[in-house]
Amino acid sequence: MQAIESSKLKITPLAAFNDNYIWIIAQAGNQSVYVIDPGDAQVVIDYLDTEQLQLAGILITHHHHDHTGGIAKLLAYAGQQIEVYGPDSENITHLNNPISTNIQSHIKLKQFKLRVDIIPLPGHTLGHIGYLMAGELFCGDTLFSGGCGRLFEGTPMQMHDSLMTLSRLPAETRVYCAHEYTLANLDFALSVEPTNPELIQYHELCLNKRSKQVATIPTSIATERNINPFLRCNADTIKASVNQHFMQNASDPVDTFALLRQWKDNF
């Protein structure tokens, strides 16, 4: 799949399972790479062998198996001690660099000499975290293009707060989530806000990409502010649509978010 390049990083998506993305993070002139949320080790190993790259470390956003299932096999493949980062509260085996968001706001990737900011993102799971590096956000299953993760462990308030934290990032921040859910999310978004011109245009763009088997990810914070209903619970159009659907009169954005997530869960 097509790599995404910035001034500091080269980011390559590896497709896994039905709709997962595993992200490979590289730097120019460096044969060492990091991998984010490797649920499937073999696709990572095949890529590393083909490109003749060395695995330097693993970064995990949360404990679900489709994000962690490849860790043990990758450690065996590496044949040496590598960095394994992840939230310390999520019972993830093989972490040798556990992250406590109570005391750590960032980490440094040793092979890249790169600062990575840690963003607590409770909601999908209680200990979910995101990684922000050089303007690139890796947010696991918290924010999707046009949608957000299900609330398996957290509360609507926690997830709404996490999404608002991400929404306040610089508009140009690129967003790398862990699933190709975009078209399904946009179908729902259009049912909520059918006259949003930015959403309509973005839907056409994504339909065209998927017809060519091109990834819709990364998206951007700017795009999601305009088209993602879960980031727009303050918008009058979203509130009106939710209230009409549920025949209620919610005005608080967290209440609106909770109803919107309920609507999506049953869409």
C-alpha atoms as a PDB file:
ATOM      1  CA  MET A   1       0.000   0.000   0.000  1.00  0.00           C
ATOM      2  CA  GLN A   2       1.060   3.590  -0.554  1.00  0.00           C
ATOM      3  CA  ALA A   3       3.416   5.042   2.054  1.00  0.00           C
ATOM      4  CA  ILE A   4       2.799   8.509   3.469  1.00  0.00           C
ATOM      5  CA  GLU A   5       5.855  10.723   3.784  1.00  0.00           C
ATOM      6  CA  SER A   6       6.422  13.836   5.872  1.00  0.00           C
ATOM      7  CA  SER A   7       9.515  15.861   6.615  1.00  0.00           C
ATOM      8  CA  LYS A   8      10.445  13.520   9.489  1.00  0.00           C
ATOM      9  CA  LEU A   9       8.670  10.196   8.967  1.00  0.00           C
ATOM     10  CA  LYS A  10       7.653   7.645   6.369  1.00  0.00           C
ATOM     11  CA  ILE A  11       4.467   5.830   7.392  1.00  0.00           C
ATOM     12  CA  THR A  12       3.344   2.651   5.652  1.00  0.00           C
ATOM     13  CA  PRO A  13      -0.023   0.925   6.234  1.00  0.00           C
ATOM     14  CA  LEU A  14      -0.135  -2.854   6.274  1.00  0.00           C
ATOM     15  CA  ALA A  15      -3.571  -4.370   5.766  1.00  0.00           C
ATOM     16  CA  ALA A  16      -4.481  -7.119   8.244  1.00  0.00           C
ATOM     17  CA  PHE A  17      -7.541  -9.271   8.940  1.00  0.00           C
ATOM     18  CA  ASN A  18     -10.674  -7.844   7.312  1.00  0.00           C
ATOM     19  CA  ASP A  19     -10.164  -4.138   7.860  1.00  0.00           C
ATOM     20  CA  ASN A  20      -7.251  -3.474  10.245  1.00  0.00           C
ATOM     21  CA  TYR A  21      -4.323  -1.205   9.521  1.00  0.00           C
ATOM     22  CA  ILE A  22      -0.954  -1.865  11.136  1.00  0.00           C
ATOM     23  CA  TRP A  23       1.332   1.143  10.818  1.00  0.00           C
ATOM     24  CA  ILE A  24       5.067   0.935  10.077  1.00  0.00           C
ATOM     25  CA  ILE A  25       7.019   4.045  11.098  1.00  0.00           C
ATOM     26  CA  ALA A  26      10.351   4.725   9.391  1.00  0.00           C
ATOM     27  CA  GLN A  27      12.844   7.556   8.964  1.00  0.00           C
ATOM     28  CA  ALA A  28      14.965   8.368   5.928  1.00  0.00           C
ATOM     29  CA  GLY A  29      18.383   6.763   6.072  1.00  0.00           C
ATOM     30  CA  ASN A  30      17.451   4.495   8.991  1.00  0.00           C
ATOM     31  CA  GLN A  31      16.881   0.759   8.532  1.00  0.00           C
ATOM     32  CA  SER A  32      15.199   0.467  11.914  1.00  0.00           C
ATOM     33  CA  VAL A  33      11.413   0.838  12.092  1.00  0.00           C
ATOM     34  CA  TYR A  34       8.648   0.849  14.690  1.00  0.00           C
ATOM     35  CA  VAL A  35       5.265  -0.839  14.341  1.00  0.00           C
ATOM     36  CA  ILE A  36       1.980   0.301  15.835  1.00  0.00           C
ATOM     37  CA  ASP A  37      -0.737  -2.144  16.961  1.00  0.00           C
ATOM     38  CA  PRO A  38       0.511  -5.337  15.277  1.00  0.00           C
ATOM     39  CA  GLY A  39      -2.432  -7.685  15.666  1.00  0.00           C
ATOM     40  CA  ASP A  40      -0.963  -9.912  12.944  1.00  0.00           C
ATOM     41  CA  ALA A  41       2.772 -10.565  13.144  1.00  0.00           C
ATOM     42  CA  GLN A  42       3.150 -12.304   9.794  1.00  0.00           C
ATOM     43  CA  VAL A  43       2.198  -9.341   7.607  1.00  0.00           C
ATOM     44  CA  VAL A  44       4.771  -7.272   9.521  1.00  0.00           C
ATOM     45  CA  ILE A  45       7.463  -9.941   9.175  1.00  0.00           C
ATOM     46  CA  ASP A  46       6.807 -10.300   5.447  1.00  0.00           C
ATOM     47  CA  TYR A  47       7.131  -6.543   4.983  1.00  0.00           C
ATOM     48  CA  LEU A  48      10.319  -6.282   7.036  1.00  0.00           C
ATOM     49  CA  ASP A  49      11.935  -9.154   5.147  1.00  0.00           C
ATOM     50  CA  THR A  50      10.932  -7.778   1.746  1.00  0.00           C
ATOM     51  CA  GLU A  51      12.170  -4.269   2.541  1.00  0.00           C
ATOM     52  CA  GLN A  52      15.209  -5.519   4.510  1.00  0.00           C
ATOM     53  CA  LEU A  53      14.303  -3.493   7.567  1.00  0.00           C
ATOM     54  CA  GLN A  54      15.012  -4.122  11.247  1.00  0.00           C
ATOM     55  CA  LEU A  55      12.306  -3.982  13.912  1.00  0.00           C
ATOM     56  CA  ALA A  56      13.268  -1.524  16.653  1.00  0.00           C
ATOM     57  CA  GLY A  57      10.073  -1.459  18.669  1.00  0.00           C
ATOM     58  CA  ILE A  58       6.328  -1.850  19.064  1.00  0.00           C
ATOM     59  CA  LEU A  59       3.763   0.721  20.210  1.00  0.00           C
ATOM     60  CA  ILE A  60       0.368  -0.448  21.473  1.00  0.00           C
ATOM     61  CA  THR A  61      -2.707   1.759  21.926  1.00  0.00           C
ATOM     62  CA  HIS A  62      -4.931  -0.677  23.872  1.00  0.00           C
ATOM     63  CA  HIS A  63      -5.329  -4.305  24.860  1.00  0.00           C
ATOM     64  CA  HIS A  64      -7.693  -5.731  22.229  1.00  0.00           C
ATOM     65  CA  HIS A  65      -6.284  -8.813  20.514  1.00  0.00           C
ATOM     66  CA  ASP A  66      -6.450  -7.419  16.990  1.00  0.00           C
ATOM     67  CA  HIS A  67      -3.928  -4.819  18.183  1.00  0.00           C
ATOM     68  CA  THR A  68      -1.700  -6.990  20.379  1.00  0.00           C
ATOM     69  CA  GLY A  69      -1.900 -10.498  18.962  1.00  0.00           C
ATOM     70  CA  GLY A  70       1.369 -10.315  17.054  1.00  0.00           C
ATOM     71  CA  ILE A  71       3.628  -9.051  19.849  1.00  0.00           C
ATOM     72  CA  ALA A  72       5.027 -12.400  21.015  1.00  0.00           C
ATOM     73  CA  LYS A  73       5.831 -13.610  17.496  1.00  0.00           C
ATOM     74  CA  LEU A  74       7.489 -10.308  16.598  1.00  0.00           C
ATOM     75  CA  LEU A  75       9.655 -10.471  19.725  1.00  0.00           C
ATOM     76  CA  ALA A  76      10.759 -13.954  18.733  1.00  0.00           C
ATOM     77  CA  TYR A  77      11.397 -12.769  15.165  1.00  0.00           C
ATOM     78  CA  ALA A  78      13.490  -9.803  16.316  1.00  0.00           C
ATOM     79  CA  GLY A  79      15.783 -12.132  18.263  1.00  0.00           C
ATOM     80  CA  GLN A  80      16.923  -9.327  20.520  1.00  0.00           C
ATOM     81  CA  GLN A  81      15.545  -6.904  23.064  1.00  0.00           C
ATOM     82  CA  ILE A  82      13.334  -4.310  21.402  1.00  0.00           C
ATOM     83  CA  GLU A  83      11.197  -1.523  22.857  1.00  0.00           C
ATOM     84  CA  VAL A  84       7.571  -2.471  23.552  1.00  0.00           C
ATOM     85  CA  TYR A  85       5.393   0.447  24.678  1.00  0.00           C
ATOM     86  CA  GLY A  86       1.785   0.395  25.821  1.00  0.00           C
ATOM     87  CA  PRO A  87      -0.570   1.523  28.586  1.00  0.00           C
ATOM     88  CA  ASP A  88       0.411   0.013  31.932  1.00  0.00           C
ATOM     89  CA  SER A  89      -3.202  -0.329  33.082  1.00  0.00           C
ATOM     90  CA  GLU A  90      -4.417  -2.664  30.329  1.00  0.00           C
ATOM     91  CA  ASN A  91      -2.862  -6.045  31.201  1.00  0.00           C
ATOM     92  CA  ILE A  92      -0.852  -6.301  27.986  1.00  0.00           C
ATOM     93  CA  THR A  93       1.841  -8.962  28.139  1.00  0.00           C
ATOM     94  CA  HIS A  94       5.429  -8.369  26.970  1.00  0.00           C
ATOM     95  CA  LEU A  95       5.510  -4.616  27.660  1.00  0.00           C
ATOM     96  CA  ASN A  96       9.024  -3.613  28.704  1.00  0.00           C
ATOM     97  CA  ASN A  97       8.275   0.099  28.503  1.00  0.00           C
ATOM     98  CA  PRO A  98       4.869   0.405  30.223  1.00  0.00           C
ATOM     99  CA  ILE A  99       3.364   3.870  30.031  1.00  0.00           C
ATOM    100  CA  SER A 100       1.627   5.440  33.004  1.00  0.00           C
ATOM    101  CA  THR A 101      -0.312   8.455  31.829  1.00  0.00           C
ATOM    102  CA  ASN A 102      -0.396   9.740  35.408  1.00  0.00           C
ATOM    103  CA  ILE A 103       3.321  10.442  35.296  1.00  0.00           C
ATOM    104  CA  GLN A 104       4.354  10.275  31.624  1.00  0.00           C
ATOM    105  CA  SER A 105       3.379  12.821  29.009  1.00  0.00           C
ATOM    106  CA  HIS A 106       5.836  11.610  26.389  1.00  0.00           C
ATOM    107  CA  ILE A 107       8.368   8.960  25.455  1.00  0.00           C
ATOM    108  CA  LYS A 108      11.457   9.000  23.259  1.00  0.00           C
ATOM    109  CA  LEU A 109      11.976   6.372  20.598  1.00  0.00           C
ATOM    110  CA  LYS A 110      15.604   5.404  20.974  1.00  0.00           C
ATOM    111  CA  GLN A 111      16.363   4.505  17.379  1.00  0.00           C
ATOM    112  CA  PHE A 112      14.771   7.703  16.059  1.00  0.00           C
ATOM    113  CA  LYS A 113      15.717  10.164  18.825  1.00  0.00           C
ATOM    114  CA  LEU A 114      12.132  11.319  18.406  1.00  0.00           C
ATOM    115  CA  ARG A 115       9.780  12.648  21.074  1.00  0.00           C
ATOM    116  CA  VAL A 116       6.344  11.042  21.073  1.00  0.00           C
ATOM    117  CA  ASP A 117       3.564  12.697  23.063  1.00  0.00           C
ATOM    118  CA  ILE A 118       1.212  10.366  24.921  1.00  0.00           C
ATOM    119  CA  ILE A 119      -2.491  11.245  24.907  1.00  0.00           C
ATOM    120  CA  PRO A 120      -4.827   9.463  27.359  1.00  0.00           C
ATOM    121  CA  LEU A 121      -7.955   8.413  25.431  1.00  0.00           C
ATOM    122  CA  PRO A 122     -10.300   6.481  27.734  1.00  0.00           C
ATOM    123  CA  GLY A 123     -13.607   5.407  26.240  1.00  0.00           C
ATOM    124  CA  HIS A 124     -13.178   2.483  23.867  1.00  0.00           C
ATOM    125  CA  THR A 125     -11.144   0.893  26.665  1.00  0.00           C
ATOM    126  CA  LEU A 126     -10.282   2.520  29.984  1.00  0.00           C
ATOM    127  CA  GLY A 127      -6.532   2.683  29.427  1.00  0.00           C
ATOM    128  CA  HIS A 128      -6.522   3.501  25.698  1.00  0.00           C
ATOM    129  CA  ILE A 129      -3.772   5.931  24.636  1.00  0.00           C
ATOM    130  CA  GLY A 130      -2.762   7.743  21.475  1.00  0.00           C
ATOM    131  CA  TYR A 131       0.697   8.563  20.143  1.00  0.00           C
ATOM    132  CA  LEU A 132       1.452  11.944  18.567  1.00  0.00           C
ATOM    133  CA  MET A 133       4.767  12.278  16.740  1.00  0.00           C
ATOM    134  CA  ALA A 134       5.892  14.968  14.325  1.00  0.00           C
ATOM    135  CA  GLY A 135       2.293  16.019  13.643  1.00  0.00           C
ATOM    136  CA  GLU A 136       1.106  12.460  13.016  1.00  0.00           C
ATOM    137  CA  LEU A 137      -1.531  10.982  15.372  1.00  0.00           C
ATOM    138  CA  PHE A 138      -1.926   7.247  15.948  1.00  0.00           C
ATOM    139  CA  CYS A 139      -5.204   6.875  17.796  1.00  0.00           C
ATOM    140  CA  GLY A 140      -6.073   3.178  17.632  1.00  0.00           C
ATOM    141  CA  ASP A 141      -9.839   2.728  17.962  1.00  0.00           C
ATOM    142  CA  THR A 142     -10.760   6.112  19.455  1.00  0.00           C
ATOM    143  CA  LEU A 143     -11.273   8.359  16.427  1.00  0.00           C
ATOM    144  CA  PHE A 144     -12.128   6.921  13.022  1.00  0.00           C
ATOM    145  CA  SER A 145     -12.738   8.891   9.882  1.00  0.00           C
ATOM    146  CA  GLY A 146     -16.386   9.851  10.139  1.00  0.00           C
ATOM    147  CA  GLY A 147     -16.858   7.947  13.379  1.00  0.00           C
ATOM    148  CA  CYS A 148     -15.465   6.790  16.711  1.00  0.00           C
ATOM    149  CA  GLY A 149     -14.912   3.541  18.595  1.00  0.00           C
ATOM    150  CA  ARG A 150     -17.561   1.678  20.519  1.00  0.00           C
ATOM    151  CA  LEU A 151     -17.714   2.173  24.277  1.00  0.00           C
ATOM    152  CA  PHE A 152     -16.653  -1.250  25.524  1.00  0.00           C
ATOM    153  CA  GLU A 153     -15.326  -0.064  28.894  1.00  0.00           C
ATOM    154  CA  GLY A 154     -15.597   3.702  29.232  1.00  0.00           C
ATOM    155  CA  THR A 155     -18.476   6.110  29.677  1.00  0.00           C
ATOM    156  CA  PRO A 156     -19.953   8.521  27.124  1.00  0.00           C
ATOM    157  CA  MET A 157     -18.383  11.390  29.060  1.00  0.00           C
ATOM    158  CA  GLN A 158     -14.941   9.793  28.897  1.00  0.00           C
ATOM    159  CA  MET A 159     -15.171   9.124  25.175  1.00  0.00           C
ATOM    160  CA  HIS A 160     -16.576  12.556  24.416  1.00  0.00           C
ATOM    161  CA  ASP A 161     -13.757  14.170  26.415  1.00  0.00           C
ATOM    162  CA  SER A 162     -11.190  12.044  24.558  1.00  0.00           C
ATOM    163  CA  LEU A 163     -12.619  13.053  21.200  1.00  0.00           C
ATOM    164  CA  MET A 164     -12.641  16.715  22.190  1.00  0.00           C
ATOM    165  CA  THR A 165      -8.987  16.405  23.196  1.00  0.00           C
ATOM    166  CA  LEU A 166      -8.193  15.157  19.715  1.00  0.00           C
ATOM    167  CA  SER A 167     -10.404  17.781  18.088  1.00  0.00           C
ATOM    168  CA  ARG A 168      -8.312  20.503  19.727  1.00  0.00           C
ATOM    169  CA  LEU A 169      -5.107  19.294  18.058  1.00  0.00           C
ATOM    170  CA  PRO A 170      -3.768  21.437  15.195  1.00  0.00           C
ATOM    171  CA  ALA A 171      -5.995  21.235  12.137  1.00  0.00           C
ATOM    172  CA  GLU A 172      -3.199  19.867   9.950  1.00  0.00           C
ATOM    173  CA  THR A 173      -2.572  16.886  12.254  1.00  0.00           C
ATOM    174  CA  ARG A 174      -2.911  13.682  10.256  1.00  0.00           C
ATOM    175  CA  VAL A 175      -4.950  10.920  11.840  1.00  0.00           C
ATOM    176  CA  TYR A 176      -3.981   7.262  11.543  1.00  0.00           C
ATOM    177  CA  CYS A 177      -6.657   5.018  13.016  1.00  0.00           C
ATOM    178  CA  ALA A 178      -6.565   1.234  13.067  1.00  0.00           C
ATOM    179  CA  HIS A 179      -9.509   0.306  10.808  1.00  0.00           C
ATOM    180  CA  GLU A 180     -10.884   0.990   7.343  1.00  0.00           C
ATOM    181  CA  TYR A 181     -14.380   1.816   8.573  1.00  0.00           C
ATOM    182  CA  THR A 182     -14.757   5.063   6.670  1.00  0.00           C
ATOM    183  CA  LEU A 183     -17.523   4.283   4.173  1.00  0.00           C
ATOM    184  CA  ALA A 184     -19.748   2.659   6.794  1.00  0.00           C
ATOM    185  CA  ASN A 185     -19.143   5.604   9.120  1.00  0.00           C
ATOM    186  CA  LEU A 186     -19.991   8.090   6.381  1.00  0.00           C
ATOM    187  CA  ASP A 187     -23.241   6.282   5.572  1.00  0.00           C
ATOM    188  CA  PHE A 188     -24.257   6.862   9.168  1.00  0.00           C
ATOM    189  CA  ALA A 189     -22.959  10.438   9.215  1.00  0.00           C
ATOM    190  CA  LEU A 190     -25.049  11.248   6.143  1.00  0.00           C
ATOM    191  CA  SER A 191     -28.140   9.871   7.838  1.00  0.00           C
ATOM    192  CA  VAL A 192     -27.488  12.255  10.735  1.00  0.00           C
ATOM    193  CA  GLU A 193     -26.469  15.307   8.720  1.00  0.00           C
ATOM    194  CA  PRO A 194     -27.565  14.757   5.102  1.00  0.00           C
ATOM    195  CA  THR A 195     -27.138  18.357   3.949  1.00  0.00           C
ATOM    196  CA  ASN A 196     -23.558  18.906   5.195  1.00  0.00           C
ATOM    197  CA  PRO A 197     -21.730  19.924   1.979  1.00  0.00           C
ATOM    198  CA  GLU A 198     -18.253  19.008   3.284  1.00  0.00           C
ATOM    199  CA  LEU A 199     -19.546  15.579   4.284  1.00  0.00           C
ATOM    200  CA  ILE A 200     -21.173  14.999   0.903  1.00  0.00           C
ATOM    201  CA  GLN A 201     -17.967  15.949  -0.904  1.00  0.00           C
ATOM    202  CA  TYR A 202     -15.807  13.819   1.395  1.00  0.00           C
ATOM    203  CA  HIS A 203     -18.104  10.832   0.896  1.00  0.00           C
ATOM    204  CA  GLU A 204     -17.636  11.073  -2.872  1.00  0.00           C
ATOM    205  CA  LEU A 205     -13.873  11.299  -2.428  1.00  0.00           C
ATOM    206  CA  CYS A 206     -13.794   8.209  -0.220  1.00  0.00           C
ATOM    207  CA  LEU A 207     -16.087   6.238  -2.528  1.00  0.00           C
ATOM    208  CA  ASN A 208     -13.651   6.939  -5.338  1.00  0.00           C
ATOM    209  CA  LYS A 209     -10.662   5.873  -3.236  1.00  0.00           C
ATOM    210  CA  ARG A 210     -12.233   2.610  -2.129  1.00  0.00           C
ATOM    211  CA  SER A 211     -13.329   1.777  -5.672  1.00  0.00           C
ATOM    212  CA  LYS A 212      -9.605   1.767  -6.465  1.00  0.00           C
ATOM    213  CA  GLN A 213      -8.691  -0.107  -3.255  1.00  0.00           C
ATOM    214  CA  VAL A 214      -6.918   3.012  -1.954  1.00  0.00           C
ATOM    215  CA  ALA A 215      -6.938   3.604   1.805  1.00  0.00           C
ATOM    216  CA  THR A 216      -9.058   6.481   3.101  1.00  0.00           C
ATOM    217  CA  ILE A 217      -6.628   6.826   6.012  1.00  0.00           C
ATOM    218  CA  PRO A 218      -4.914   9.046   7.023  1.00  0.00           C
ATOM    219  CA  THR A 219      -7.550  11.663   7.482  1.00  0.00           C
ATOM    220  CA  SER A 220      -6.930  14.986   9.248  1.00  0.00           C
ATOM    221  CA  ILE A 221      -8.243  16.779  12.293  1.00  0.00           C
ATOM    222  CA  ALA A 222      -9.483  19.575  10.012  1.00  0.00           C
ATOM    223  CA  THR A 223     -11.495  17.124   7.919  1.00  0.00           C
ATOM    224  CA  GLU A 224     -12.959  15.352  10.929  1.00  0.00           C
ATOM    225  CA  ARG A 225     -14.049  18.616  12.556  1.00  0.00           C
ATOM    226  CA  ASN A 226     -16.130  19.285   9.446  1.00  0.00           C
ATOM    227  CA  ILE A 227     -17.603  15.866   8.693  1.00  0.00           C
ATOM    228  CA  ASN A 228     -17.513  13.649  11.789  1.00  0.00           C
ATOM    229  CA  PRO A 229     -20.770  13.835  13.775  1.00  0.00           C
ATOM    230  CA  PHE A 230     -19.050  12.585  16.940  1.00  0.00           C
ATOM    231  CA  LEU A 231     -16.814  15.673  16.923  1.00  0.00           C
ATOM    232  CA  ARG A 232     -19.796  17.935  16.228  1.00  0.00           C
ATOM    233  CA  CYS A 233     -22.117  17.292  19.162  1.00  0.00           C
ATOM    234  CA  ASN A 234     -22.233  21.041  19.795  1.00  0.00           C
ATOM    235  CA  ALA A 235     -23.579  21.695  16.298  1.00  0.00           C
ATOM    236  CA  ASP A 236     -27.255  22.619  16.094  1.00  0.00           C
ATOM    237  CA  THR A 237     -27.742  20.332  13.077  1.00  0.00           C
ATOM    238  CA  ILE A 238     -26.441  17.313  15.001  1.00  0.00           C
ATOM    239  CA  LYS A 239     -28.488  18.094  18.114  1.00  0.00           C
ATOM    240  CA  ALA A 240     -31.644  18.563  16.065  1.00  0.00           C
ATOM    241  CA  SER A 241     -31.145  15.316  14.177  1.00  0.00           C
ATOM    242  CA  VAL A 242     -30.460  13.309  17.332  1.00  0.00           C
ATOM    243  CA  ASN A 243     -33.417  14.820  19.150  1.00  0.00           C
ATOM    244  CA  GLN A 244     -35.726  14.114  16.232  1.00  0.00           C
ATOM    245  CA  HIS A 245     -34.514  10.507  15.994  1.00  0.00           C
ATOM    246  CA  PHE A 246     -35.016   9.802  19.692  1.00  0.00           C
ATOM    247  CA  MET A 247     -37.913  12.229  20.197  1.00  0.00           C
ATOM    248  CA  GLN A 248     -35.995  13.906  23.011  1.00  0.00           C
ATOM    249  CA  ASN A 249     -34.723  17.373  23.808  1.00  0.00           C
ATOM    250  CA  ALA A 250     -31.059  16.847  24.659  1.00  0.00           C
ATOM    251  CA  SER A 251     -28.915  19.977  24.620  1.00  0.00           C
ATOM    252  CA  ASP A 252     -25.809  18.945  26.543  1.00  0.00           C
ATOM    253  CA  PRO A 253     -23.090  17.741  24.117  1.00  0.00           C
ATOM    254  CA  VAL A 254     -22.298  14.666  26.236  1.00  0.00           C
ATOM    255  CA  ASP A 255     -25.959  13.644  26.230  1.00  0.00           C
ATOM    256  CA  THR A 256     -26.047  14.242  22.488  1.00  0.00           C
ATOM    257  CA  PHE A 257     -22.926  12.144  22.083  1.00  0.00           C
ATOM    258  CA  ALA A 258     -24.380   9.279  24.142  1.00  0.00           C
ATOM    259  CA  LEU A 259     -27.528   9.212  22.019  1.00  0.00           C
ATOM    260  CA  LEU A 260     -25.524   9.493  18.807  1.00  0.00           C
ATOM    261  CA  ARG A 261     -23.348   6.536  19.811  1.00  0.00           C
ATOM    262  CA  GLN A 262     -26.492   4.549  20.688  1.00  0.00           C
ATOM    263  CA  TRP A 263     -27.934   5.393  17.276  1.00  0.00           C
ATOM    264  CA  LYS A 264     -24.740   4.261  15.535  1.00  0.00           C
ATOM    265  CA  ASP A 265     -24.604   1.030  17.561  1.00  0.00           C
ATOM    266  CA  ASN A 266     -28.000   0.088  16.137  1.00  0.00           C
ATOM    267  CA  PHE A 267     -27.610   1.565  12.659  1.00  0.00           C
END
